[in-house]
Amino acid sequence: MVIGIGIDIIEIDRIKESVDKFGDHFLNKIFTQNELDYSLSKANKYQHLAARFAAKEAVSKALATGWNNDFNWKSVEISNEPTGEPIVKLTGKLSNFLGEDKELKITMSHSNNYVTCFAIIYLKK
């Protein structure tokens, strides 16, 4: 049974413009150190930052918590399995949100200009 879904799309240039304008303040507000280490090591770092931004937005929509004291940018960390599959780690007040009976999956896709992410929360069988 599906509990929540979320989707987001963002222009890669929008993330680049935010980094250019706000620098480390923007990066450190939105991304965990692990996300920064991963994304900034890539040739197309803005595409990877945008993918993580879109994933955080999609996850927030799937969780349906809204922007309150339980949700903040860094309470959702996006990483990858060795196979490349994107995974989500919830921390802080969200760390117990899923419990043993729910699972959260995401998928990300990109073009030259856009990144999109879809998130789904469902009950495990």
Protein backbone atom coordinates (compact mmCIF):
# COMPACT_ATOMS: atom_id res chain seq x y z
CA MET A 1 0.00 0.00 0.00
CA VAL A 2 1.33 3.41 -0.99
CA ILE A 3 1.51 5.89 1.89
CA GLY A 4 3.03 8.90 0.13
CA ILE A 5 4.45 10.07 -3.17
CA GLY A 6 6.44 13.11 -4.16
CA ILE A 7 8.01 14.48 -7.31
CA ASP A 8 10.23 17.42 -8.09
CA ILE A 9 11.95 18.93 -11.10
CA ILE A 10 14.59 21.63 -11.07
CA GLU A 11 16.75 23.47 -13.57
CA ILE A 12 20.42 22.65 -13.07
CA ASP A 13 21.29 26.30 -13.78
CA ARG A 14 19.12 27.38 -10.83
CA ILE A 15 21.38 25.45 -8.47
CA LYS A 16 24.48 26.85 -10.18
CA GLU A 17 23.12 30.40 -9.81
CA SER A 18 22.43 29.80 -6.10
CA VAL A 19 25.95 28.47 -5.56
CA ASP A 20 27.43 31.41 -7.50
CA LYS A 21 25.36 33.94 -5.54
CA PHE A 22 25.40 32.47 -2.01
CA GLY A 23 28.41 30.12 -2.09
CA ASP A 24 29.14 28.05 1.00
CA HIS A 25 26.15 29.50 2.87
CA PHE A 26 23.78 27.90 0.35
CA LEU A 27 25.75 24.65 0.11
CA ASN A 28 26.02 24.17 3.87
CA LYS A 29 22.37 25.02 4.47
CA ILE A 30 21.03 22.46 1.98
CA PHE A 31 23.54 19.61 1.75
CA THR A 32 25.24 17.28 4.21
CA GLN A 33 29.00 16.94 4.12
CA ASN A 34 28.68 13.50 2.50
CA GLU A 35 26.48 14.97 -0.26
CA LEU A 36 28.95 17.80 -0.84
CA ASP A 37 31.95 15.46 -0.92
CA TYR A 38 30.22 13.27 -3.51
CA SER A 39 28.76 16.03 -5.71
CA LEU A 40 31.74 18.36 -5.71
CA SER A 41 34.05 15.50 -6.76
CA LYS A 42 32.11 15.05 -10.01
CA ALA A 43 32.89 16.77 -13.33
CA ASN A 44 29.29 18.03 -13.54
CA LYS A 45 28.92 18.99 -9.89
CA TYR A 46 25.84 21.17 -10.44
CA GLN A 47 23.92 18.26 -11.96
CA HIS A 48 24.66 16.13 -8.88
CA LEU A 49 23.79 18.94 -6.48
CA ALA A 50 20.54 19.55 -8.36
CA ALA A 51 19.70 15.84 -8.21
CA ARG A 52 20.10 15.84 -4.43
CA PHE A 53 18.08 19.04 -4.13
CA ALA A 54 15.24 17.57 -6.20
CA ALA A 55 15.38 14.35 -4.19
CA LYS A 56 15.06 16.24 -0.90
CA GLU A 57 12.05 18.12 -2.27
CA ALA A 58 10.41 14.92 -3.54
CA VAL A 59 11.01 13.18 -0.21
CA SER A 60 9.50 16.11 1.71
CA LYS A 61 6.37 15.83 -0.43
CA ALA A 62 6.17 12.06 0.06
CA LEU A 63 6.56 12.45 3.83
CA ALA A 64 3.84 15.13 3.82
CA THR A 65 5.42 16.77 6.86
CA GLY A 66 5.58 20.22 5.31
CA TRP A 67 8.36 22.58 6.24
CA ASN A 68 8.09 22.37 10.01
CA ASN A 69 10.34 21.58 12.94
CA ASP A 70 10.51 17.91 11.94
CA PHE A 71 11.84 18.51 8.43
CA ASN A 72 14.94 20.40 7.39
CA TRP A 73 17.24 20.08 4.40
CA LYS A 74 19.92 18.14 6.22
CA SER A 75 17.52 15.66 7.82
CA VAL A 76 17.36 13.98 4.39
CA GLU A 77 20.64 12.67 3.01
CA ILE A 78 20.91 11.26 -0.50
CA SER A 79 23.66 8.79 -1.35
CA ASN A 80 24.20 5.88 -3.72
CA GLU A 81 24.60 2.15 -3.36
CA PRO A 82 27.68 0.69 -5.10
CA THR A 83 25.31 -0.26 -7.94
CA GLY A 84 24.42 3.43 -8.39
CA GLU A 85 20.92 3.10 -6.90
CA PRO A 86 20.06 6.29 -5.00
CA ILE A 87 19.13 5.81 -1.36
CA VAL A 88 17.72 8.07 1.33
CA LYS A 89 18.84 8.31 4.93
CA LEU A 90 16.51 10.15 7.32
CA THR A 91 18.13 11.71 10.39
CA GLY A 92 17.14 13.89 13.32
CA LYS A 93 13.44 13.99 14.11
CA LEU A 94 12.72 12.06 10.91
CA SER A 95 14.95 9.11 11.80
CA ASN A 96 12.07 7.05 13.20
CA PHE A 97 9.44 8.20 10.71
CA LEU A 98 9.47 5.08 8.56
CA GLY A 99 9.66 2.50 11.33
CA GLU A 100 9.97 -1.19 10.52
CA ASP A 101 6.82 -1.36 8.39
CA LYS A 102 7.52 1.32 5.74
CA GLU A 103 10.06 1.76 2.96
CA LEU A 104 11.12 4.87 1.06
CA LYS A 105 12.47 4.60 -2.49
CA ILE A 106 13.56 7.30 -4.92
CA THR A 107 14.56 7.48 -8.54
CA MET A 108 16.35 10.37 -10.22
CA SER A 109 16.77 11.31 -13.85
CA HIS A 110 18.42 14.18 -15.68
CA SER A 111 18.88 15.84 -19.03
CA ASN A 112 21.32 18.57 -19.96
CA ASN A 113 19.17 21.21 -18.28
CA TYR A 114 16.86 19.53 -15.76
CA VAL A 115 16.87 16.99 -12.95
CA THR A 116 13.80 15.22 -11.67
CA CYS A 117 13.19 12.91 -8.74
CA PHE A 118 10.26 10.71 -7.75
CA ALA A 119 9.85 9.41 -4.18
CA ILE A 120 7.45 6.78 -2.88
CA ILE A 121 6.72 5.53 0.63
CA TYR A 122 4.94 2.22 0.93
CA LEU A 123 4.11 -0.44 3.48
CA LYS A 124 6.40 -3.45 3.40
CA LYS A 125 4.76 -6.82 2.89
